[in-house]
Amino acid sequence: MVITECKSNKSKIDKHTLIPNVIDHIFTICKEDKRFSISKSVSEIDVKITNAKQQILKQQRLINQSNDIKKGLLEKIKTIDDESFKIKYKVLETLGSDIWIL
């Protein structure tokens, strides 16, 4: 196995993705190198990671759907509120009241 040093621009390193990338590289080395005796454990962990990623994707889709529903409902509420104001205005106008809007 050959280990090389990677010189990169430290200002461009994203700290949130650095650790997962390092862990992925370690798991890849453990899976491919026959000298590691933990291949069974690594494969079990790999299955768990795959399941977790699938659950995360499902939850993200649900969040996006709920945000779309929320946006639609807020638009409907605004429309209904505007219609309600117009109806109240017309009722007061037909009753002969003057409306003072501040």
PDB file of N, CA and C in Angstrom:
ATOM      1  N   MET A   1       0.851  -1.159   0.000  1.00  0.00           N
ATOM      2  CA  MET A   1       0.000   0.000   0.000  1.00  0.00           C
ATOM      3  C   MET A   1       0.901   1.228   0.000  1.00  0.00           C
ATOM      4  N   VAL A   2       0.573   2.167  -0.873  1.00  0.00           N
ATOM      5  CA  VAL A   2       1.347   3.387  -0.985  1.00  0.00           C
ATOM      6  C   VAL A   2       0.527   4.524  -0.395  1.00  0.00           C
ATOM      7  N   ILE A   3       1.137   5.241   0.530  1.00  0.00           N
ATOM      8  CA  ILE A   3       0.467   6.374   1.142  1.00  0.00           C
ATOM      9  C   ILE A   3       1.127   7.637   0.620  1.00  0.00           C
ATOM     10  N   THR A   4       0.303   8.532   0.094  1.00  0.00           N
ATOM     11  CA  THR A   4       0.832   9.787  -0.438  1.00  0.00           C
ATOM     12  C   THR A   4       0.214  10.951   0.308  1.00  0.00           C
ATOM     13  N   GLU A   5       0.913  12.042   0.314  1.00  0.00           N
ATOM     14  CA  GLU A   5       0.421  13.239   0.974  1.00  0.00           C
ATOM     15  C   GLU A   5      -0.270  14.106  -0.059  1.00  0.00           C
ATOM     16  N   CYS A   6      -1.427  14.543   0.283  1.00  0.00           N
ATOM     17  CA  CYS A   6      -2.202  15.392  -0.616  1.00  0.00           C
ATOM     18  C   CYS A   6      -2.108  16.830  -0.119  1.00  0.00           C
ATOM     19  N   LYS A   7      -1.517  17.677  -0.933  1.00  0.00           N
ATOM     20  CA  LYS A   7      -1.400  19.077  -0.554  1.00  0.00           C
ATOM     21  C   LYS A   7      -2.570  19.826  -1.175  1.00  0.00           C
ATOM     22  N   SER A   8      -3.405  20.371  -0.325  1.00  0.00           N
ATOM     23  CA  SER A   8      -4.571  21.103  -0.812  1.00  0.00           C
ATOM     24  C   SER A   8      -4.620  22.471  -0.146  1.00  0.00           C
ATOM     25  N   ASN A   9      -5.419  23.309  -0.693  1.00  0.00           N
ATOM     26  CA  ASN A   9      -5.603  24.652  -0.155  1.00  0.00           C
ATOM     27  C   ASN A   9      -6.465  24.542   1.098  1.00  0.00           C
ATOM     28  N   LYS A  10      -5.911  24.877   2.240  1.00  0.00           N
ATOM     29  CA  LYS A  10      -6.605  24.696   3.513  1.00  0.00           C
ATOM     30  C   LYS A  10      -7.816  25.603   3.655  1.00  0.00           C
ATOM     31  N   SER A  11      -7.855  26.721   2.929  1.00  0.00           N
ATOM     32  CA  SER A  11      -8.999  27.615   3.038  1.00  0.00           C
ATOM     33  C   SER A  11     -10.224  27.046   2.325  1.00  0.00           C
ATOM     34  N   LYS A  12     -10.029  26.103   1.401  1.00  0.00           N
ATOM     35  CA  LYS A  12     -11.144  25.533   0.661  1.00  0.00           C
ATOM     36  C   LYS A  12     -11.691  24.271   1.308  1.00  0.00           C
ATOM     37  N   ILE A  13     -11.092  23.794   2.360  1.00  0.00           N
ATOM     38  CA  ILE A  13     -11.540  22.564   3.013  1.00  0.00           C
ATOM     39  C   ILE A  13     -12.814  22.854   3.803  1.00  0.00           C
ATOM     40  N   ASP A  14     -13.840  22.080   3.508  1.00  0.00           N
ATOM     41  CA  ASP A  14     -15.099  22.197   4.236  1.00  0.00           C
ATOM     42  C   ASP A  14     -15.024  21.275   5.446  1.00  0.00           C
ATOM     43  N   LYS A  15     -15.077  21.858   6.620  1.00  0.00           N
ATOM     44  CA  LYS A  15     -14.896  21.094   7.854  1.00  0.00           C
ATOM     45  C   LYS A  15     -16.011  20.082   8.078  1.00  0.00           C
ATOM     46  N   HIS A  16     -17.208  20.341   7.503  1.00  0.00           N
ATOM     47  CA  HIS A  16     -18.328  19.429   7.710  1.00  0.00           C
ATOM     48  C   HIS A  16     -18.220  18.180   6.849  1.00  0.00           C
ATOM     49  N   THR A  17     -17.485  18.244   5.759  1.00  0.00           N
ATOM     50  CA  THR A  17     -17.352  17.071   4.895  1.00  0.00           C
ATOM     51  C   THR A  17     -16.005  16.387   5.050  1.00  0.00           C
ATOM     52  N   LEU A  18     -15.085  17.003   5.752  1.00  0.00           N
ATOM     53  CA  LEU A  18     -13.751  16.433   5.895  1.00  0.00           C
ATOM     54  C   LEU A  18     -13.783  15.106   6.658  1.00  0.00           C
ATOM     55  N   ILE A  19     -14.429  15.090   7.802  1.00  0.00           N
ATOM     56  CA  ILE A  19     -14.473  13.881   8.633  1.00  0.00           C
ATOM     57  C   ILE A  19     -15.206  12.741   7.921  1.00  0.00           C
ATOM     58  N   PRO A  20     -16.393  12.976   7.334  1.00  0.00           N
ATOM     59  CA  PRO A  20     -17.027  11.869   6.603  1.00  0.00           C
ATOM     60  C   PRO A  20     -16.172  11.345   5.447  1.00  0.00           C
ATOM     61  N   ASN A  21     -15.455  12.235   4.763  1.00  0.00           N
ATOM     62  CA  ASN A  21     -14.589  11.790   3.676  1.00  0.00           C
ATOM     63  C   ASN A  21     -13.448  10.913   4.194  1.00  0.00           C
ATOM     64  N   VAL A  22     -12.858  11.312   5.309  1.00  0.00           N
ATOM     65  CA  VAL A  22     -11.771  10.520   5.894  1.00  0.00           C
ATOM     66  C   VAL A  22     -12.292   9.151   6.320  1.00  0.00           C
ATOM     67  N   ILE A  23     -13.460   9.122   6.947  1.00  0.00           N
ATOM     68  CA  ILE A  23     -14.043   7.844   7.385  1.00  0.00           C
ATOM     69  C   ILE A  23     -14.352   6.960   6.180  1.00  0.00           C
ATOM     70  N   ASP A  24     -14.879   7.549   5.111  1.00  0.00           N
ATOM     71  CA  ASP A  24     -15.146   6.770   3.891  1.00  0.00           C
ATOM     72  C   ASP A  24     -13.862   6.173   3.331  1.00  0.00           C
ATOM     73  N   HIS A  25     -12.786   6.956   3.333  1.00  0.00           N
ATOM     74  CA  HIS A  25     -11.504   6.431   2.841  1.00  0.00           C
ATOM     75  C   HIS A  25     -10.983   5.294   3.724  1.00  0.00           C
ATOM     76  N   ILE A  26     -11.144   5.443   5.014  1.00  0.00           N
ATOM     77  CA  ILE A  26     -10.700   4.378   5.934  1.00  0.00           C
ATOM     78  C   ILE A  26     -11.495   3.104   5.697  1.00  0.00           C
ATOM     79  N   PHE A  27     -12.823   3.227   5.555  1.00  0.00           N
ATOM     80  CA  PHE A  27     -13.641   2.046   5.288  1.00  0.00           C
ATOM     81  C   PHE A  27     -13.276   1.415   3.952  1.00  0.00           C
ATOM     82  N   THR A  28     -12.975   2.223   2.959  1.00  0.00           N
ATOM     83  CA  THR A  28     -12.589   1.681   1.654  1.00  0.00           C
ATOM     84  C   THR A  28     -11.292   0.900   1.762  1.00  0.00           C
ATOM     85  N   ILE A  29     -10.336   1.433   2.496  1.00  0.00           N
ATOM     86  CA  ILE A  29      -9.065   0.727   2.699  1.00  0.00           C
ATOM     87  C   ILE A  29      -9.304  -0.577   3.446  1.00  0.00           C
ATOM     88  N   CYS A  30     -10.137  -0.541   4.480  1.00  0.00           N
ATOM     89  CA  CYS A  30     -10.413  -1.753   5.259  1.00  0.00           C
ATOM     90  C   CYS A  30     -11.106  -2.821   4.419  1.00  0.00           C
ATOM     91  N   LYS A  31     -11.977  -2.405   3.504  1.00  0.00           N
ATOM     92  CA  LYS A  31     -12.682  -3.370   2.654  1.00  0.00           C
ATOM     93  C   LYS A  31     -11.755  -4.002   1.621  1.00  0.00           C
ATOM     94  N   GLU A  32     -10.849  -3.219   1.076  1.00  0.00           N
ATOM     95  CA  GLU A  32     -10.024  -3.691  -0.031  1.00  0.00           C
ATOM     96  C   GLU A  32      -8.750  -4.409   0.423  1.00  0.00           C
ATOM     97  N   ASP A  33      -8.226  -4.045   1.558  1.00  0.00           N
ATOM     98  CA  ASP A  33      -6.977  -4.652   2.013  1.00  0.00           C
ATOM     99  C   ASP A  33      -7.282  -5.966   2.727  1.00  0.00           C
ATOM    100  N   LYS A  34      -6.665  -7.032   2.280  1.00  0.00           N
ATOM    101  CA  LYS A  34      -6.903  -8.369   2.836  1.00  0.00           C
ATOM    102  C   LYS A  34      -6.272  -8.554   4.213  1.00  0.00           C
ATOM    103  N   ARG A  35      -5.368  -7.672   4.592  1.00  0.00           N
ATOM    104  CA  ARG A  35      -4.703  -7.820   5.888  1.00  0.00           C
ATOM    105  C   ARG A  35      -5.592  -7.425   7.053  1.00  0.00           C
ATOM    106  N   PHE A  36      -6.674  -6.721   6.788  1.00  0.00           N
ATOM    107  CA  PHE A  36      -7.599  -6.348   7.856  1.00  0.00           C
ATOM    108  C   PHE A  36      -8.568  -7.501   8.085  1.00  0.00           C
ATOM    109  N   SER A  37      -8.704  -7.886   9.331  1.00  0.00           N
ATOM    110  CA  SER A  37      -9.571  -9.012   9.655  1.00  0.00           C
ATOM    111  C   SER A  37     -10.978  -8.554  10.064  1.00  0.00           C
ATOM    112  N   ILE A  38     -11.292  -7.338   9.808  1.00  0.00           N
ATOM    113  CA  ILE A  38     -12.589  -6.809  10.222  1.00  0.00           C
ATOM    114  C   ILE A  38     -13.532  -6.632   9.035  1.00  0.00           C
ATOM    115  N   SER A  39     -13.304  -7.373   7.970  1.00  0.00           N
ATOM    116  CA  SER A  39     -14.114  -7.202   6.765  1.00  0.00           C
ATOM    117  C   SER A  39     -15.594  -7.488   7.024  1.00  0.00           C
ATOM    118  N   LYS A  40     -15.905  -8.457   7.890  1.00  0.00           N
ATOM    119  CA  LYS A  40     -17.299  -8.759   8.214  1.00  0.00           C
ATOM    120  C   LYS A  40     -17.937  -7.578   8.946  1.00  0.00           C
ATOM    121  N   SER A  41     -17.233  -7.025   9.901  1.00  0.00           N
ATOM    122  CA  SER A  41     -17.754  -5.872  10.640  1.00  0.00           C
ATOM    123  C   SER A  41     -17.928  -4.674   9.719  1.00  0.00           C
ATOM    124  N   VAL A  42     -16.978  -4.485   8.832  1.00  0.00           N
ATOM    125  CA  VAL A  42     -17.052  -3.355   7.906  1.00  0.00           C
ATOM    126  C   VAL A  42     -18.249  -3.513   6.976  1.00  0.00           C
ATOM    127  N   SER A  43     -18.504  -4.723   6.507  1.00  0.00           N
ATOM    128  CA  SER A  43     -19.649  -4.930   5.619  1.00  0.00           C
ATOM    129  C   SER A  43     -20.967  -4.711   6.363  1.00  0.00           C
ATOM    130  N   GLU A  44     -21.036  -5.107   7.634  1.00  0.00           N
ATOM    131  CA  GLU A  44     -22.236  -4.859   8.438  1.00  0.00           C
ATOM    132  C   GLU A  44     -22.441  -3.359   8.634  1.00  0.00           C
ATOM    133  N   ILE A  45     -21.366  -2.646   8.914  1.00  0.00           N
ATOM    134  CA  ILE A  45     -21.446  -1.197   9.087  1.00  0.00           C
ATOM    135  C   ILE A  45     -21.843  -0.535   7.769  1.00  0.00           C
ATOM    136  N   ASP A  46     -21.334  -1.075   6.658  1.00  0.00           N
ATOM    137  CA  ASP A  46     -21.668  -0.538   5.343  1.00  0.00           C
ATOM    138  C   ASP A  46     -23.166  -0.660   5.072  1.00  0.00           C
ATOM    139  N   VAL A  47     -23.758  -1.782   5.463  1.00  0.00           N
ATOM    140  CA  VAL A  47     -25.203  -1.975   5.301  1.00  0.00           C
ATOM    141  C   VAL A  47     -25.963  -0.975   6.164  1.00  0.00           C
ATOM    142  N   LYS A  48     -25.503  -0.778   7.395  1.00  0.00           N
ATOM    143  CA  LYS A  48     -26.156   0.188   8.282  1.00  0.00           C
ATOM    144  C   LYS A  48     -26.055   1.602   7.726  1.00  0.00           C
ATOM    145  N   ILE A  49     -24.912   1.950   7.162  1.00  0.00           N
ATOM    146  CA  ILE A  49     -24.734   3.282   6.570  1.00  0.00           C
ATOM    147  C   ILE A  49     -25.671   3.460   5.385  1.00  0.00           C
ATOM    148  N   THR A  50     -25.796   2.423   4.560  1.00  0.00           N
ATOM    149  CA  THR A  50     -26.702   2.491   3.415  1.00  0.00           C
ATOM    150  C   THR A  50     -28.140   2.681   3.866  1.00  0.00           C
ATOM    151  N   ASN A  51     -28.545   1.943   4.899  1.00  0.00           N
ATOM    152  CA  ASN A  51     -29.903   2.091   5.439  1.00  0.00           C
ATOM    153  C   ASN A  51     -30.119   3.488   6.006  1.00  0.00           C
ATOM    154  N   ALA A  52     -29.125   4.011   6.712  1.00  0.00           N
ATOM    155  CA  ALA A  52     -29.242   5.349   7.289  1.00  0.00           C
ATOM    156  C   ALA A  52     -29.356   6.407   6.193  1.00  0.00           C
ATOM    157  N   LYS A  53     -28.574   6.251   5.116  1.00  0.00           N
ATOM    158  CA  LYS A  53     -28.658   7.207   4.004  1.00  0.00           C
ATOM    159  C   LYS A  53     -30.030   7.161   3.342  1.00  0.00           C
ATOM    160  N   GLN A  54     -30.597   5.963   3.204  1.00  0.00           N
ATOM    161  CA  GLN A  54     -31.925   5.840   2.623  1.00  0.00           C
ATOM    162  C   GLN A  54     -32.974   6.505   3.509  1.00  0.00           C
ATOM    163  N   GLN A  55     -32.847   6.338   4.817  1.00  0.00           N
ATOM    164  CA  GLN A  55     -33.788   6.974   5.736  1.00  0.00           C
ATOM    165  C   GLN A  55     -33.652   8.490   5.687  1.00  0.00           C
ATOM    166  N   ILE A  56     -32.431   8.980   5.584  1.00  0.00           N
ATOM    167  CA  ILE A  56     -32.207  10.426   5.498  1.00  0.00           C
ATOM    168  C   ILE A  56     -32.837  10.980   4.230  1.00  0.00           C
ATOM    169  N   LEU A  57     -32.648  10.281   3.103  1.00  0.00           N
ATOM    170  CA  LEU A  57     -33.255  10.731   1.853  1.00  0.00           C
ATOM    171  C   LEU A  57     -34.779  10.745   1.939  1.00  0.00           C
ATOM    172  N   LYS A  58     -35.343   9.719   2.575  1.00  0.00           N
ATOM    173  CA  LYS A  58     -36.791   9.662   2.741  1.00  0.00           C
ATOM    174  C   LYS A  58     -37.277  10.822   3.606  1.00  0.00           C
ATOM    175  N   GLN A  59     -36.576  11.108   4.681  1.00  0.00           N
ATOM    176  CA  GLN A  59     -36.961  12.214   5.553  1.00  0.00           C
ATOM    177  C   GLN A  59     -36.814  13.555   4.849  1.00  0.00           C
ATOM    178  N   GLN A  60     -35.788  13.700   4.019  1.00  0.00           N
ATOM    179  CA  GLN A  60     -35.632  14.943   3.262  1.00  0.00           C
ATOM    180  C   GLN A  60     -36.771  15.128   2.270  1.00  0.00           C
ATOM    181  N   ARG A  61     -37.187  14.037   1.618  1.00  0.00           N
ATOM    182  CA  ARG A  61     -38.330  14.136   0.701  1.00  0.00           C
ATOM    183  C   ARG A  61     -39.590  14.532   1.463  1.00  0.00           C
ATOM    184  N   LEU A  62     -39.788  13.947   2.646  1.00  0.00           N
ATOM    185  CA  LEU A  62     -40.957  14.295   3.453  1.00  0.00           C
ATOM    186  C   LEU A  62     -40.919  15.754   3.895  1.00  0.00           C
ATOM    187  N   ILE A  63     -39.742  16.234   4.259  1.00  0.00           N
ATOM    188  CA  ILE A  63     -39.600  17.640   4.657  1.00  0.00           C
ATOM    189  C   ILE A  63     -39.920  18.554   3.482  1.00  0.00           C
ATOM    190  N   ASN A  64     -39.421  18.207   2.291  1.00  0.00           N
ATOM    191  CA  ASN A  64     -39.712  19.017   1.110  1.00  0.00           C
ATOM    192  C   ASN A  64     -41.206  19.025   0.800  1.00  0.00           C
ATOM    193  N   GLN A  65     -41.848  17.853   0.923  1.00  0.00           N
ATOM    194  CA  GLN A  65     -43.287  17.786   0.688  1.00  0.00           C
ATOM    195  C   GLN A  65     -44.047  18.621   1.707  1.00  0.00           C
ATOM    196  N   SER A  66     -43.637  18.542   2.971  1.00  0.00           N
ATOM    197  CA  SER A  66     -44.334  19.320   3.999  1.00  0.00           C
ATOM    198  C   SER A  66     -44.119  20.812   3.793  1.00  0.00           C
ATOM    199  N   ASN A  67     -42.936  21.215   3.331  1.00  0.00           N
ATOM    200  CA  ASN A  67     -42.700  22.631   3.036  1.00  0.00           C
ATOM    201  C   ASN A  67     -43.572  23.104   1.881  1.00  0.00           C
ATOM    202  N   ASP A  68     -43.744  22.263   0.860  1.00  0.00           N
ATOM    203  CA  ASP A  68     -44.619  22.615  -0.260  1.00  0.00           C
ATOM    204  C   ASP A  68     -46.065  22.756   0.203  1.00  0.00           C
ATOM    205  N   ILE A  69     -46.505  21.823   1.046  1.00  0.00           N
ATOM    206  CA  ILE A  69     -47.870  21.884   1.574  1.00  0.00           C
ATOM    207  C   ILE A  69     -48.047  23.140   2.426  1.00  0.00           C
ATOM    208  N   LYS A  70     -47.057  23.443   3.256  1.00  0.00           N
ATOM    209  CA  LYS A  70     -47.123  24.635   4.106  1.00  0.00           C
ATOM    210  C   LYS A  70     -47.214  25.896   3.260  1.00  0.00           C
ATOM    211  N   LYS A  71     -46.411  25.965   2.217  1.00  0.00           N
ATOM    212  CA  LYS A  71     -46.426  27.131   1.336  1.00  0.00           C
ATOM    213  C   LYS A  71     -47.797  27.288   0.679  1.00  0.00           C
ATOM    214  N   GLY A  72     -48.356  26.177   0.207  1.00  0.00           N
ATOM    215  CA  GLY A  72     -49.684  26.227  -0.410  1.00  0.00           C
ATOM    216  C   GLY A  72     -50.746  26.666   0.576  1.00  0.00           C
ATOM    217  N   LEU A  73     -50.690  26.139   1.785  1.00  0.00           N
ATOM    218  CA  LEU A  73     -51.681  26.512   2.801  1.00  0.00           C
ATOM    219  C   LEU A  73     -51.558  27.979   3.197  1.00  0.00           C
ATOM    220  N   LEU A  74     -50.340  28.487   3.315  1.00  0.00           N
ATOM    221  CA  LEU A  74     -50.168  29.898   3.658  1.00  0.00           C
ATOM    222  C   LEU A  74     -50.722  30.803   2.551  1.00  0.00           C
ATOM    223  N   GLU A  75     -50.542  30.395   1.296  1.00  0.00           N
ATOM    224  CA  GLU A  75     -51.111  31.169   0.191  1.00  0.00           C
ATOM    225  C   GLU A  75     -52.631  31.144   0.238  1.00  0.00           C
ATOM    226  N   LYS A  76     -53.210  29.965   0.543  1.00  0.00           N
ATOM    227  CA  LYS A  76     -54.666  29.859   0.642  1.00  0.00           C
ATOM    228  C   LYS A  76     -55.200  30.700   1.799  1.00  0.00           C
ATOM    229  N   ILE A  77     -54.497  30.690   2.919  1.00  0.00           N
ATOM    230  CA  ILE A  77     -54.912  31.493   4.080  1.00  0.00           C
ATOM    231  C   ILE A  77     -54.891  32.973   3.732  1.00  0.00           C
ATOM    232  N   LYS A  78     -53.842  33.409   3.025  1.00  0.00           N
ATOM    233  CA  LYS A  78     -53.747  34.808   2.632  1.00  0.00           C
ATOM    234  C   LYS A  78     -54.891  35.180   1.694  1.00  0.00           C
ATOM    235  N   THR A  79     -55.192  34.297   0.747  1.00  0.00           N
ATOM    236  CA  THR A  79     -56.286  34.553  -0.185  1.00  0.00           C
ATOM    237  C   THR A  79     -57.616  34.631   0.549  1.00  0.00           C
ATOM    238  N   ILE A  80     -57.861  33.710   1.457  1.00  0.00           N
ATOM    239  CA  ILE A  80     -59.102  33.704   2.228  1.00  0.00           C
ATOM    240  C   ILE A  80     -59.191  34.933   3.115  1.00  0.00           C
ATOM    241  N   ASP A  81     -58.084  35.340   3.702  1.00  0.00           N
ATOM    242  CA  ASP A  81     -58.064  36.536   4.542  1.00  0.00           C
ATOM    243  C   ASP A  81     -58.395  37.778   3.718  1.00  0.00           C
ATOM    244  N   ASP A  82     -57.835  37.863   2.515  1.00  0.00           N
ATOM    245  CA  ASP A  82     -58.141  38.993   1.630  1.00  0.00           C
ATOM    246  C   ASP A  82     -59.616  39.005   1.234  1.00  0.00           C
ATOM    247  N   GLU A  83     -60.149  37.825   0.904  1.00  0.00           N
ATOM    248  CA  GLU A  83     -61.566  37.736   0.549  1.00  0.00           C
ATOM    249  C   GLU A  83     -62.451  38.104   1.733  1.00  0.00           C
ATOM    250  N   SER A  84     -62.071  37.675   2.915  1.00  0.00           N
ATOM    251  CA  SER A  84     -62.825  37.998   4.122  1.00  0.00           C
ATOM    252  C   SER A  84     -62.851  39.505   4.352  1.00  0.00           C
ATOM    253  N   PHE A  85     -61.710  40.159   4.148  1.00  0.00           N
ATOM    254  CA  PHE A  85     -61.654  41.607   4.318  1.00  0.00           C
ATOM    255  C   PHE A  85     -62.559  42.302   3.307  1.00  0.00           C
ATOM    256  N   LYS A  86     -62.533  41.831   2.058  1.00  0.00           N
ATOM    257  CA  LYS A  86     -63.386  42.433   1.027  1.00  0.00           C
ATOM    258  C   LYS A  86     -64.866  42.276   1.365  1.00  0.00           C
ATOM    259  N   ILE A  87     -65.234  41.093   1.855  1.00  0.00           N
ATOM    260  CA  ILE A  87     -66.634  40.845   2.225  1.00  0.00           C
ATOM    261  C   ILE A  87     -67.042  41.738   3.393  1.00  0.00           C
ATOM    262  N   LYS A  88     -66.181  41.862   4.389  1.00  0.00           N
ATOM    263  CA  LYS A  88     -66.480  42.729   5.531  1.00  0.00           C
ATOM    264  C   LYS A  88     -66.632  44.174   5.072  1.00  0.00           C
ATOM    265  N   TYR A  89     -65.784  44.592   4.146  1.00  0.00           N
ATOM    266  CA  TYR A  89     -65.830  45.951   3.625  1.00  0.00           C
ATOM    267  C   TYR A  89     -67.158  46.191   2.906  1.00  0.00           C
ATOM    268  N   LYS A  90     -67.573  45.233   2.079  1.00  0.00           N
ATOM    269  CA  LYS A  90     -68.830  45.380   1.337  1.00  0.00           C
ATOM    270  C   LYS A  90     -70.025  45.400   2.279  1.00  0.00           C
ATOM    271  N   VAL A  91     -70.004  44.551   3.321  1.00  0.00           N
ATOM    272  CA  VAL A  91     -71.109  44.513   4.282  1.00  0.00           C
ATOM    273  C   VAL A  91     -71.222  45.844   5.003  1.00  0.00           C
ATOM    274  N   LEU A  92     -70.109  46.362   5.467  1.00  0.00           N
ATOM    275  CA  LEU A  92     -70.137  47.648   6.166  1.00  0.00           C
ATOM    276  C   LEU A  92     -70.545  48.778   5.216  1.00  0.00           C
ATOM    277  N   GLU A  93     -70.130  48.689   3.975  1.00  0.00           N
ATOM    278  CA  GLU A  93     -70.473  49.714   2.994  1.00  0.00           C
ATOM    279  C   GLU A  93     -71.975  49.693   2.705  1.00  0.00           C
ATOM    280  N   THR A  94     -72.557  48.500   2.612  1.00  0.00           N
ATOM    281  CA  THR A  94     -74.000  48.413   2.360  1.00  0.00           C
ATOM    282  C   THR A  94     -74.809  48.858   3.573  1.00  0.00           C
ATOM    283  N   LEU A  95     -74.220  48.730   4.755  1.00  0.00           N
ATOM    284  CA  LEU A  95     -74.914  49.194   5.957  1.00  0.00           C
ATOM    285  C   LEU A  95     -74.785  50.704   6.138  1.00  0.00           C
ATOM    286  N   GLY A  96     -73.940  51.334   5.322  1.00  0.00           N
ATOM    287  CA  GLY A  96     -73.816  52.775   5.385  1.00  0.00           C
ATOM    288  C   GLY A  96     -72.701  53.263   6.284  1.00  0.00           C
ATOM    289  N   SER A  97     -71.832  52.426   6.717  1.00  0.00           N
ATOM    290  CA  SER A  97     -70.727  52.847   7.592  1.00  0.00           C
ATOM    291  C   SER A  97     -69.556  53.309   6.739  1.00  0.00           C
ATOM    292  N   ASP A  98     -68.827  54.239   7.282  1.00  0.00           N
ATOM    293  CA  ASP A  98     -67.587  54.669   6.649  1.00  0.00           C
ATOM    294  C   ASP A  98     -66.452  53.879   7.265  1.00  0.00           C
ATOM    295  N   ILE A  99     -65.529  53.442   6.414  1.00  0.00           N
ATOM    296  CA  ILE A  99     -64.395  52.665   6.891  1.00  0.00           C
ATOM    297  C   ILE A  99     -63.159  53.548   6.871  1.00  0.00           C
ATOM    298  N   TRP A 100     -62.522  53.607   8.009  1.00  0.00           N
ATOM    299  CA  TRP A 100     -61.267  54.349   8.126  1.00  0.00           C
ATOM    300  C   TRP A 100     -60.146  53.351   8.245  1.00  0.00           C
ATOM    301  N   ILE A 101     -59.318  53.313   7.257  1.00  0.00           N
ATOM    302  CA  ILE A 101     -58.179  52.391   7.272  1.00  0.00           C
ATOM    303  C   ILE A 101     -56.944  53.175   7.678  1.00  0.00           C
ATOM    304  N   LEU A 102     -56.305  52.710   8.699  1.00  0.00           N
ATOM    305  CA  LEU A 102     -55.095  53.383   9.170  1.00  0.00           C
ATOM    306  C   LEU A 102     -53.893  52.854   8.467  1.00  0.00           C
TER     307      LEU A 102
END
